[in-house]
N, C-alpha and C. Protein backbone atom coordinates (compact mmCIF):
# COMPACT_ATOMS: atom_id res chain seq x y z
N MET A 1 0.67 -1.17 -0.07
CA MET A 1 0.11 -0.01 0.20
C MET A 1 0.65 1.14 0.08
N LYS A 2 0.76 2.06 -0.82
CA LYS A 2 1.43 3.42 -0.98
C LYS A 2 0.71 4.31 0.03
N THR A 3 1.38 4.85 0.89
CA THR A 3 0.72 6.03 1.88
C THR A 3 0.84 7.47 0.68
N ILE A 4 -0.31 8.20 0.82
CA ILE A 4 -0.22 9.39 0.05
C ILE A 4 -0.72 10.51 1.08
N THR A 5 0.01 11.78 0.91
CA THR A 5 -0.12 12.57 1.95
C THR A 5 -1.19 13.40 1.63
N GLU A 6 -1.65 14.24 2.41
CA GLU A 6 -2.92 15.26 2.13
C GLU A 6 -2.60 16.03 0.90
N THR A 7 -1.20 16.58 1.15
CA THR A 7 -0.79 17.45 -0.02
C THR A 7 -0.52 16.80 -1.26
N GLU A 8 -0.06 15.63 -1.32
CA GLU A 8 0.26 14.82 -2.66
C GLU A 8 -1.40 14.40 -3.22
N LEU A 9 -2.19 14.02 -2.29
CA LEU A 9 -3.43 13.90 -2.94
C LEU A 9 -4.32 14.79 -3.43
N LYS A 10 -4.02 16.17 -2.84
CA LYS A 10 -4.51 17.60 -3.36
C LYS A 10 -3.75 17.81 -4.69
N ASN A 11 -2.55 17.47 -5.00
CA ASN A 11 -1.80 17.77 -6.06
C ASN A 11 -2.22 16.55 -6.91
N ILE A 12 -2.44 15.51 -7.14
CA ILE A 12 -2.90 14.55 -7.62
C ILE A 12 -4.41 14.79 -8.49
N LEU A 13 -5.38 15.35 -7.48
CA LEU A 13 -6.81 15.81 -7.78
C LEU A 13 -6.53 16.88 -8.85
N ASP A 14 -5.68 17.78 -8.27
CA ASP A 14 -5.48 19.07 -9.23
C ASP A 14 -5.12 19.02 -10.54
N GLN A 15 -4.30 17.96 -10.84
CA GLN A 15 -3.39 17.73 -11.92
C GLN A 15 -4.73 16.95 -12.76
N HIS A 16 -5.51 16.00 -12.14
CA HIS A 16 -6.34 15.12 -12.70
C HIS A 16 -7.44 16.01 -13.24
N SER A 17 -7.81 16.96 -12.33
CA SER A 17 -9.00 18.14 -12.91
C SER A 17 -8.61 18.86 -14.06
N LEU A 18 -7.27 19.14 -14.24
CA LEU A 18 -6.69 19.97 -15.61
C LEU A 18 -6.94 18.90 -16.66
N TRP A 19 -6.19 17.55 -16.07
CA TRP A 19 -6.47 16.72 -17.38
C TRP A 19 -7.83 16.46 -17.95
N ILE A 20 -8.83 16.56 -17.01
CA ILE A 20 -10.38 16.32 -17.54
C ILE A 20 -10.67 17.56 -18.22
N ARG A 21 -10.35 18.66 -17.66
CA ARG A 21 -10.58 20.07 -18.38
C ARG A 21 -10.31 20.25 -19.76
N THR A 22 -8.92 19.67 -19.77
CA THR A 22 -8.27 20.14 -21.01
C THR A 22 -8.24 18.66 -22.12
N VAL A 23 -9.13 17.66 -21.56
CA VAL A 23 -9.24 16.61 -22.52
C VAL A 23 -7.74 15.84 -22.92
N GLY A 24 -7.08 16.00 -21.70
CA GLY A 24 -5.69 15.21 -21.62
C GLY A 24 -4.65 16.05 -22.24
N ALA A 25 -4.96 17.35 -22.77
CA ALA A 25 -3.86 18.22 -23.16
C ALA A 25 -2.96 18.65 -22.10
N GLU A 26 -3.26 18.92 -20.84
CA GLU A 26 -2.52 19.31 -19.67
C GLU A 26 -2.96 18.36 -18.69
N GLY A 27 -1.88 18.48 -17.61
CA GLY A 27 -2.34 17.81 -16.40
C GLY A 27 -1.83 16.13 -16.67
N THR A 28 -2.31 15.48 -15.61
CA THR A 28 -1.97 14.08 -15.56
C THR A 28 -3.30 13.14 -15.13
N ARG A 29 -3.51 12.12 -15.86
CA ARG A 29 -4.52 11.20 -15.13
C ARG A 29 -4.21 10.82 -13.81
N ALA A 30 -5.12 10.73 -12.79
CA ALA A 30 -5.09 10.41 -11.41
C ALA A 30 -4.52 8.87 -11.50
N ASN A 31 -3.25 8.55 -10.95
CA ASN A 31 -2.97 6.98 -10.90
C ASN A 31 -2.97 6.86 -9.33
N LEU A 32 -3.93 6.33 -8.58
CA LEU A 32 -3.87 5.86 -7.06
C LEU A 32 -4.16 4.55 -6.74
N GLU A 33 -3.26 3.71 -7.79
CA GLU A 33 -3.18 2.39 -7.82
C GLU A 33 -2.62 1.99 -6.59
N GLY A 34 -3.35 1.11 -5.65
CA GLY A 34 -3.00 0.57 -4.43
C GLY A 34 -2.36 1.66 -3.35
N ALA A 35 -3.23 2.81 -3.59
CA ALA A 35 -2.86 3.70 -2.63
C ALA A 35 -3.65 3.73 -1.20
N ASP A 36 -3.12 4.09 -0.15
CA ASP A 36 -3.95 3.81 1.12
C ASP A 36 -4.54 5.30 1.23
N LEU A 37 -5.83 5.30 1.17
CA LEU A 37 -6.85 6.30 1.07
C LEU A 37 -7.94 6.15 2.30
N TYR A 38 -7.53 5.63 3.40
CA TYR A 38 -8.43 5.12 4.32
C TYR A 38 -9.01 6.40 4.92
N GLY A 39 -10.57 6.45 4.93
CA GLY A 39 -11.18 7.47 5.52
C GLY A 39 -10.98 8.86 4.88
N ALA A 40 -10.38 8.97 3.52
CA ALA A 40 -10.30 9.99 2.92
C ALA A 40 -11.58 10.97 2.72
N TYR A 41 -11.40 12.18 2.55
CA TYR A 41 -12.47 12.97 2.41
C TYR A 41 -12.53 13.40 1.09
N LEU A 42 -13.29 12.76 -0.05
CA LEU A 42 -13.29 13.20 -1.49
C LEU A 42 -14.85 13.44 -1.94
N LYS A 43 -15.37 13.94 -1.04
CA LYS A 43 -16.75 14.60 -1.40
C LYS A 43 -16.70 15.43 -2.58
N GLY A 44 -17.61 14.96 -3.63
CA GLY A 44 -17.66 15.80 -4.77
C GLY A 44 -16.39 15.88 -5.47
N ALA A 45 -15.34 15.03 -5.49
CA ALA A 45 -14.17 14.69 -6.37
C ALA A 45 -14.38 14.52 -7.56
N HIS A 46 -13.48 15.06 -8.52
CA HIS A 46 -13.92 14.78 -9.88
C HIS A 46 -12.57 13.54 -10.24
N LEU A 47 -13.15 12.22 -10.21
CA LEU A 47 -12.23 11.27 -10.44
C LEU A 47 -12.56 10.47 -11.63
N GLU A 48 -13.01 10.89 -12.54
CA GLU A 48 -13.68 10.22 -13.89
C GLU A 48 -12.24 9.66 -14.37
N ARG A 49 -12.46 8.43 -14.70
CA ARG A 49 -11.37 7.75 -15.49
C ARG A 49 -10.14 7.47 -14.44
N ALA A 50 -10.05 7.95 -13.31
CA ALA A 50 -9.15 7.61 -12.51
C ALA A 50 -8.66 5.99 -12.26
N ASN A 51 -7.40 5.79 -11.74
CA ASN A 51 -7.08 4.49 -11.51
C ASN A 51 -6.95 4.32 -10.14
N LEU A 52 -8.00 3.77 -9.69
CA LEU A 52 -7.82 3.37 -8.14
C LEU A 52 -7.90 1.88 -7.84
N GLU A 53 -7.29 1.14 -8.68
CA GLU A 53 -7.22 -0.24 -8.57
C GLU A 53 -6.44 -0.55 -7.24
N ARG A 54 -7.04 -1.59 -6.70
CA ARG A 54 -6.60 -2.06 -5.43
C ARG A 54 -6.56 -0.94 -4.34
N ALA A 55 -6.99 0.27 -4.40
CA ALA A 55 -6.78 1.64 -3.67
C ALA A 55 -7.58 0.91 -2.15
N ASN A 56 -7.16 1.42 -1.20
CA ASN A 56 -7.94 1.38 0.08
C ASN A 56 -8.69 2.68 0.56
N LEU A 57 -9.88 2.42 0.07
CA LEU A 57 -10.93 3.49 0.33
C LEU A 57 -11.81 3.14 1.52
N ASN A 58 -11.21 2.42 2.52
CA ASN A 58 -12.25 1.86 3.66
C ASN A 58 -12.64 3.52 4.50
N GLY A 59 -13.98 3.43 4.30
CA GLY A 59 -14.49 4.52 5.36
C GLY A 59 -14.30 5.85 4.60
N ALA A 60 -14.04 5.72 3.54
CA ALA A 60 -13.70 7.17 2.53
C ALA A 60 -15.25 7.84 2.09
N ASN A 61 -15.10 9.29 2.26
CA ASN A 61 -16.25 9.89 2.10
C ASN A 61 -16.19 10.29 0.69
N LEU A 62 -17.11 9.50 -0.44
CA LEU A 62 -16.93 9.75 -1.59
C LEU A 62 -18.54 10.34 -2.36
N GLU A 63 -19.07 10.91 -1.26
CA GLU A 63 -20.63 11.55 -1.50
C GLU A 63 -20.54 12.48 -2.75
N ARG A 64 -21.58 12.20 -3.65
CA ARG A 64 -21.49 12.91 -4.88
C ARG A 64 -20.15 13.08 -5.80
N ALA A 65 -19.21 12.06 -5.40
CA ALA A 65 -18.04 12.06 -6.45
C ALA A 65 -18.51 11.42 -7.62
N ASN A 66 -17.79 12.01 -8.70
CA ASN A 66 -17.76 11.40 -9.90
C ASN A 66 -16.69 10.71 -10.54
N LEU A 67 -17.11 9.47 -10.35
CA LEU A 67 -16.35 8.24 -10.77
C LEU A 67 -16.49 7.43 -12.12
N ASP A 68 -17.15 8.44 -12.81
CA ASP A 68 -17.45 7.83 -14.31
C ASP A 68 -16.30 7.27 -14.93
N ARG A 69 -16.57 5.90 -15.02
CA ARG A 69 -15.38 5.19 -15.83
C ARG A 69 -14.35 4.85 -15.16
N ALA A 70 -14.18 5.17 -13.92
CA ALA A 70 -13.25 5.26 -12.96
C ALA A 70 -12.63 3.48 -12.98
N TYR A 71 -11.11 3.30 -12.64
CA TYR A 71 -11.07 1.86 -12.40
C TYR A 71 -10.57 1.55 -11.11
N LEU A 72 -11.59 0.66 -10.54
CA LEU A 72 -11.51 0.64 -8.93
C LEU A 72 -11.35 -0.91 -8.73
N ARG A 73 -11.14 -1.45 -9.70
CA ARG A 73 -10.62 -3.18 -9.73
C ARG A 73 -10.00 -3.63 -8.45
N GLY A 74 -10.94 -4.35 -7.63
CA GLY A 74 -9.98 -4.87 -6.35
C GLY A 74 -9.96 -3.94 -5.31
N ALA A 75 -10.39 -2.72 -5.43
CA ALA A 75 -10.54 -1.76 -4.47
C ALA A 75 -11.25 -2.15 -3.19
N ASN A 76 -10.71 -1.52 -1.93
CA ASN A 76 -11.48 -1.61 -0.65
C ASN A 76 -12.54 -0.54 -0.38
N LEU A 77 -13.50 -0.43 -0.69
CA LEU A 77 -14.45 0.46 -0.29
C LEU A 77 -15.66 0.03 0.90
N ASP A 78 -15.06 -0.83 1.65
CA ASP A 78 -15.53 -1.18 2.96
C ASP A 78 -15.87 -0.02 3.92
N ARG A 79 -17.40 0.20 3.98
CA ARG A 79 -18.07 1.21 4.76
C ARG A 79 -17.81 2.62 4.27
N ALA A 80 -17.43 2.72 2.81
CA ALA A 80 -17.36 3.81 2.14
C ALA A 80 -18.81 4.58 1.83
N ASN A 81 -18.69 6.02 1.97
CA ASN A 81 -19.86 6.73 1.73
C ASN A 81 -19.89 6.99 0.14
N LEU A 82 -20.97 6.48 -0.53
CA LEU A 82 -20.93 6.69 -2.13
C LEU A 82 -22.21 7.38 -2.45
N ASP A 83 -22.79 7.82 -1.52
CA ASP A 83 -24.25 8.74 -1.42
C ASP A 83 -24.46 9.41 -2.74
N ARG A 84 -25.26 9.16 -3.89
CA ARG A 84 -25.28 9.93 -5.03
C ARG A 84 -24.08 9.90 -5.88
N ALA A 85 -23.04 9.04 -5.76
CA ALA A 85 -21.90 9.07 -6.37
C ALA A 85 -22.20 8.59 -7.68
N TYR A 86 -21.49 9.07 -8.74
CA TYR A 86 -21.67 8.83 -10.06
C TYR A 86 -20.60 7.84 -10.60
N LEU A 87 -20.88 6.74 -10.79
CA LEU A 87 -20.05 5.33 -10.91
C LEU A 87 -20.59 4.94 -12.41
N ARG A 88 -20.99 5.49 -13.47
CA ARG A 88 -21.60 5.10 -14.56
C ARG A 88 -20.12 4.53 -15.04
N GLY A 89 -20.25 3.24 -15.65
CA GLY A 89 -19.16 2.45 -16.58
C GLY A 89 -17.93 2.25 -15.91
N ALA A 90 -18.00 2.33 -14.40
CA ALA A 90 -17.06 2.01 -13.66
C ALA A 90 -16.74 0.54 -13.45
N ASN A 91 -15.25 0.26 -13.39
CA ASN A 91 -14.90 -1.11 -13.14
C ASN A 91 -14.57 -1.37 -11.80
N LEU A 92 -15.66 -2.00 -11.10
CA LEU A 92 -15.92 -2.23 -9.80
C LEU A 92 -15.36 -3.96 -9.44
N SER A 93 -14.88 -4.71 -10.35
CA SER A 93 -14.84 -6.15 -10.45
C SER A 93 -13.75 -6.36 -9.24
N GLY A 94 -14.53 -7.53 -8.35
CA GLY A 94 -13.78 -7.69 -7.32
C GLY A 94 -13.29 -6.63 -5.99
N ALA A 95 -14.30 -5.65 -6.00
CA ALA A 95 -13.97 -4.63 -5.20
C ALA A 95 -14.99 -4.91 -3.84
N ASN A 96 -14.36 -4.51 -2.79
CA ASN A 96 -15.01 -4.74 -1.47
C ASN A 96 -16.03 -3.68 -1.06
N LEU A 97 -17.06 -3.73 -1.19
CA LEU A 97 -18.41 -2.68 -0.81
C LEU A 97 -18.96 -3.07 0.14
N TYR A 98 -18.46 -4.02 1.29
CA TYR A 98 -19.09 -4.40 2.51
C TYR A 98 -19.81 -2.84 3.09
N LEU A 99 -20.91 -3.12 3.59
CA LEU A 99 -21.57 -1.94 4.30
C LEU A 99 -21.25 -0.64 3.73
N ALA A 100 -21.02 -0.40 2.47
CA ALA A 100 -20.88 0.67 1.72
C ALA A 100 -22.47 1.35 1.62
N ASN A 101 -22.51 2.96 1.58
CA ASN A 101 -23.68 3.42 1.29
C ASN A 101 -23.70 3.90 -0.20
N LEU A 102 -24.71 3.33 -0.96
CA LEU A 102 -24.73 3.61 -2.34
C LEU A 102 -25.95 4.05 -2.76
N TYR A 103 -26.51 4.88 -1.78
CA TYR A 103 -27.79 5.30 -1.96
C TYR A 103 -27.85 6.43 -3.03
N LEU A 104 -28.79 5.85 -3.93
CA LEU A 104 -29.12 6.76 -5.24
C LEU A 104 -27.81 7.00 -6.20
N ALA A 105 -26.84 5.75 -5.74
CA ALA A 105 -25.54 5.88 -6.64
C ALA A 105 -26.01 5.48 -8.15
N ASN A 106 -25.32 6.12 -9.10
CA ASN A 106 -25.45 5.71 -10.34
C ASN A 106 -24.52 4.47 -10.80
N LEU A 107 -24.67 3.33 -11.03
CA LEU A 107 -23.93 2.35 -11.38
C LEU A 107 -24.17 1.69 -12.77
N GLU A 108 -24.96 2.50 -13.65
CA GLU A 108 -25.28 2.10 -14.84
C GLU A 108 -24.13 1.70 -15.46
N SER A 109 -24.03 0.57 -16.33
CA SER A 109 -23.01 -0.05 -16.87
C SER A 109 -22.07 -0.24 -16.34
N ALA A 110 -22.02 -0.26 -14.93
CA ALA A 110 -20.80 -0.60 -13.95
C ALA A 110 -20.44 -1.97 -14.05
N ASN A 111 -19.17 -2.28 -14.09
CA ASN A 111 -18.73 -3.75 -13.88
C ASN A 111 -18.58 -4.07 -12.41
N LEU A 112 -19.77 -4.98 -11.87
CA LEU A 112 -19.62 -5.35 -10.22
C LEU A 112 -19.22 -6.84 -10.24
N GLU A 113 -18.73 -7.35 -11.44
CA GLU A 113 -18.43 -8.96 -11.29
C GLU A 113 -17.50 -9.23 -10.26
N ASN A 114 -17.96 -10.01 -9.41
CA ASN A 114 -17.44 -10.76 -8.25
C ASN A 114 -17.09 -9.62 -7.09
N ALA A 115 -17.76 -8.44 -6.89
CA ALA A 115 -17.72 -7.63 -5.90
C ALA A 115 -18.64 -7.93 -4.79
N ASN A 116 -18.00 -7.62 -3.77
CA ASN A 116 -19.00 -7.86 -2.44
C ASN A 116 -19.84 -6.62 -2.27
N LEU A 117 -20.91 -6.80 -2.12
CA LEU A 117 -22.02 -5.82 -1.81
C LEU A 117 -22.71 -6.27 -0.74
N GLU A 118 -21.96 -7.07 0.20
CA GLU A 118 -22.80 -7.37 1.26
C GLU A 118 -23.10 -6.46 2.32
N ASN A 119 -24.72 -6.40 2.58
CA ASN A 119 -25.11 -5.31 3.52
C ASN A 119 -24.79 -3.88 3.24
N ALA A 120 -24.41 -3.67 1.78
CA ALA A 120 -24.59 -2.47 1.25
C ALA A 120 -25.90 -1.82 0.99
N ASN A 121 -26.12 -0.54 1.29
CA ASN A 121 -27.11 0.23 0.90
C ASN A 121 -27.12 0.39 -0.30
N LEU A 122 -28.30 -0.25 -1.21
CA LEU A 122 -28.43 -0.03 -2.47
C LEU A 122 -29.92 0.60 -2.68
N GLU A 123 -30.34 1.41 -1.70
CA GLU A 123 -31.85 1.94 -1.88
C GLU A 123 -31.79 3.05 -3.01
N GLY A 124 -32.41 3.09 -4.12
CA GLY A 124 -32.33 3.73 -5.11
C GLY A 124 -31.15 4.01 -5.90
N ALA A 125 -30.38 2.71 -5.90
CA ALA A 125 -29.28 2.82 -6.82
C ALA A 125 -29.77 2.29 -8.22
N ASN A 126 -28.93 2.86 -9.20
CA ASN A 126 -29.18 2.52 -10.61
C ASN A 126 -28.17 1.67 -11.01
N LEU A 127 -28.74 0.28 -11.32
CA LEU A 127 -28.01 -0.96 -11.50
C LEU A 127 -28.20 -1.26 -13.01
N GLU A 128 -29.03 -0.35 -13.90
CA GLU A 128 -29.38 -0.49 -15.19
C GLU A 128 -28.00 -0.95 -15.95
N GLU A 129 -28.21 -2.50 -16.57
CA GLU A 129 -27.04 -2.59 -17.62
C GLU A 129 -25.70 -2.93 -16.80
N ALA A 130 -25.77 -3.21 -15.30
CA ALA A 130 -24.77 -3.31 -14.52
C ALA A 130 -24.18 -4.92 -14.66
N ASN A 131 -22.88 -5.18 -14.53
CA ASN A 131 -22.61 -6.87 -14.71
C ASN A 131 -22.52 -6.99 -13.49
N LEU A 132 -23.51 -7.95 -12.96
CA LEU A 132 -23.73 -8.30 -11.45
C LEU A 132 -23.16 -9.88 -11.53
N VAL A 133 -22.35 -10.54 -12.33
CA VAL A 133 -22.16 -11.77 -12.50
C VAL A 133 -21.12 -12.09 -11.16
N GLY A 134 -21.68 -12.84 -10.37
CA GLY A 134 -20.76 -13.41 -9.18
C GLY A 134 -20.86 -12.36 -7.94
N THR A 135 -21.71 -11.35 -7.98
CA THR A 135 -21.70 -10.30 -7.00
C THR A 135 -22.27 -10.88 -5.85
N ILE A 136 -21.64 -10.58 -4.61
CA ILE A 136 -22.14 -11.10 -3.14
C ILE A 136 -23.35 -9.93 -3.03
N LEU A 137 -24.38 -10.45 -2.61
CA LEU A 137 -25.45 -9.07 -2.14
C LEU A 137 -25.84 -9.38 -0.83
N GLU A 138 -25.74 -10.73 -0.48
CA GLU A 138 -26.12 -10.95 1.02
C GLU A 138 -25.45 -11.71 1.40
N LYS A 139 -25.08 -11.97 2.99
CA LYS A 139 -24.47 -12.98 3.36
C LYS A 139 -24.62 -14.39 3.27
N LYS A 140 -23.67 -15.27 2.74
CA LYS A 140 -24.05 -16.75 2.22
C LYS A 140 -24.08 -17.42 3.78
N GLU A 141 -25.10 -18.34 3.55
CA GLU A 141 -25.30 -19.29 4.79
C GLU A 141 -24.20 -20.30 4.81
N THR A 142 -23.74 -20.72 5.75
CA THR A 142 -22.34 -21.73 5.47
C THR A 142 -23.05 -23.20 5.12
N MET A 143 -24.05 -23.54 5.84
CA MET A 143 -24.45 -24.99 5.39
C MET A 143 -26.03 -24.81 5.15
N LEU A 144 -26.31 -25.47 4.04
CA LEU A 144 -27.66 -25.62 3.66
C LEU A 144 -28.17 -27.12 4.12
N SER A 145 -29.23 -27.29 5.02
CA SER A 145 -29.09 -28.43 5.58
C SER A 145 -30.10 -29.74 4.73
N SER A 146 -30.71 -29.16 3.66
CA SER A 146 -31.31 -30.08 2.77
C SER A 146 -31.47 -29.31 1.40
N GLU A 147 -31.92 -30.42 0.55
CA GLU A 147 -32.39 -29.96 -0.76
C GLU A 147 -33.54 -29.00 -0.96
N SER A 148 -34.45 -29.22 -0.12
CA SER A 148 -35.73 -28.28 -0.06
C SER A 148 -35.22 -26.97 0.49
N ASN A 149 -34.49 -26.95 1.24
CA ASN A 149 -33.76 -25.69 1.87
C ASN A 149 -32.99 -24.93 0.88
N LEU A 150 -32.33 -25.73 0.14
CA LEU A 150 -31.74 -25.25 -0.92
C LEU A 150 -32.60 -24.65 -2.11
N ARG A 151 -33.68 -25.46 -2.16
CA ARG A 151 -34.72 -24.70 -3.34
C ARG A 151 -35.25 -23.77 -2.89
N ALA A 152 -35.55 -23.78 -1.62
CA ALA A 152 -36.14 -22.58 -1.06
C ALA A 152 -35.46 -21.11 -0.90
N LYS A 153 -34.10 -21.33 -0.90
CA LYS A 153 -33.05 -20.05 -0.91
C LYS A 153 -33.26 -19.59 -2.11
N PHE A 154 -33.08 -20.44 -3.49
CA PHE A 154 -32.98 -19.96 -4.67
C PHE A 154 -34.32 -19.49 -5.37
N ASP A 155 -35.38 -19.96 -4.74
CA ASP A 155 -36.69 -19.49 -4.84
C ASP A 155 -36.96 -17.93 -4.37
N GLU A 156 -36.50 -17.89 -3.14
CA GLU A 156 -36.31 -16.41 -2.60
C GLU A 156 -35.67 -15.56 -3.19
N LEU A 157 -34.52 -15.84 -3.57
CA LEU A 157 -33.49 -14.84 -4.51
C LEU A 157 -34.32 -14.72 -5.67
N ALA A 158 -34.82 -15.58 -6.40
CA ALA A 158 -35.43 -15.33 -7.87
C ALA A 158 -36.52 -14.22 -7.70
N LYS A 159 -37.51 -14.58 -6.72
CA LYS A 159 -38.55 -13.83 -6.35
C LYS A 159 -38.31 -12.44 -6.22
N SER A 160 -37.30 -12.17 -5.43
CA SER A 160 -36.67 -10.75 -5.04
C SER A 160 -36.26 -10.07 -6.32
N LEU A 161 -36.00 -10.92 -7.25
CA LEU A 161 -35.50 -10.33 -8.51
C LEU A 161 -36.26 -10.41 -9.66
N GLY A 162 -37.73 -10.73 -9.50
CA GLY A 162 -38.74 -10.90 -10.15
C GLY A 162 -38.61 -11.86 -11.18
N LEU A 163 -37.79 -12.92 -10.88
CA LEU A 163 -37.45 -14.03 -11.89
C LEU A 163 -38.37 -15.45 -11.25
N LYS A 164 -38.42 -16.32 -12.10
CA LYS A 164 -38.84 -17.60 -12.04
C LYS A 164 -37.82 -18.64 -12.30
N ILE A 165 -37.27 -19.50 -11.36
CA ILE A 165 -36.19 -20.72 -11.69
C ILE A 165 -36.92 -21.78 -12.44
N VAL A 166 -36.24 -22.14 -13.41
CA VAL A 166 -37.11 -23.11 -14.45
C VAL A 166 -35.88 -24.59 -14.48
N SER A 167 -34.61 -24.14 -14.25
CA SER A 167 -33.96 -25.46 -14.06
C SER A 167 -32.51 -24.79 -13.25
N LEU A 168 -31.93 -25.73 -12.48
CA LEU A 168 -30.95 -25.37 -11.71
C LEU A 168 -30.00 -26.52 -11.63
N LYS A 169 -28.82 -26.18 -11.67
CA LYS A 169 -27.66 -27.14 -11.69
C LYS A 169 -26.71 -26.86 -10.81
N VAL A 170 -26.40 -27.49 -9.64
CA VAL A 170 -25.57 -27.09 -8.43
C VAL A 170 -24.23 -27.84 -8.64
N GLU A 171 -23.15 -26.94 -8.44
CA GLU A 171 -21.84 -27.28 -8.84
C GLU A 171 -21.02 -26.99 -7.46
N ARG A 172 -20.20 -27.99 -7.09
CA ARG A 172 -18.97 -27.67 -6.30
C ARG A 172 -17.54 -27.73 -6.71
N GLU A 173 -16.65 -26.80 -6.61
CA GLU A 173 -15.25 -26.83 -7.14
C GLU A 173 -15.06 -27.58 -8.30
N LYS A 174 -16.11 -27.25 -9.42
CA LYS A 174 -16.04 -27.73 -10.64
C LYS A 174 -16.23 -29.15 -10.86
N THR A 175 -17.03 -29.84 -10.11
CA THR A 175 -17.56 -31.32 -9.98
C THR A 175 -18.84 -30.83 -9.45
N ILE A 176 -19.81 -31.59 -10.68
CA ILE A 176 -21.30 -31.51 -10.50
C ILE A 176 -21.55 -32.43 -9.29
N VAL A 177 -22.48 -31.67 -8.40
CA VAL A 177 -23.03 -32.35 -7.13
C VAL A 177 -24.16 -32.93 -7.42
N GLU A 178 -25.22 -32.20 -8.02
CA GLU A 178 -26.49 -32.62 -8.20
C GLU A 178 -27.20 -31.68 -9.07
N THR A 179 -28.09 -32.38 -9.73
CA THR A 179 -29.02 -31.51 -10.92
C THR A 179 -30.63 -31.82 -10.07
N ILE A 180 -30.99 -30.50 -10.01
CA ILE A 180 -32.34 -30.30 -9.39
C ILE A 180 -33.34 -30.08 -10.51
N ASN A 181 -34.27 -30.97 -10.72
CA ASN A 181 -35.03 -30.59 -11.98
C ASN A 181 -36.51 -29.70 -11.31
N LEU A 182 -36.64 -28.56 -11.61
CA LEU A 182 -37.72 -27.78 -11.09
C LEU A 182 -38.92 -27.92 -11.80
């Protein structure tokens, strides 16, 4: 983890803002890959297309921040405040958003593949065309006691998404365990 001082962060944000305003003719794109930004105050920050891969943004305030097409792959946004943040087209694959506040956040076309959204506040969030493959939306139970319990859990999830399960194949570690005909 790279430690970034407040002065360094301000300079990076200023250079990035200039880069955005001049469409890349001046300034430099923000590269905060692997940066330790624990609890950073970035309310309203302009971080469009910034590189925040694997950055530690645990508890950061990104309220109303513009993260349009930002690269946040593997970032730690545990308990981050992303209230009304603009994350359209952002890459959040593998990101940790545990207990994050995504109230009214725009995640349209965002890549949330394999992201952890457990206990995150998604009230009013726009997930239109977002990639949610492998995304953790709620805590997984460690053991399902029976086939009927497994079926009930899948039915509950499908119902919450407005879907109906027609066929289900259950696999464990690339080995087929059981196929349940519904």
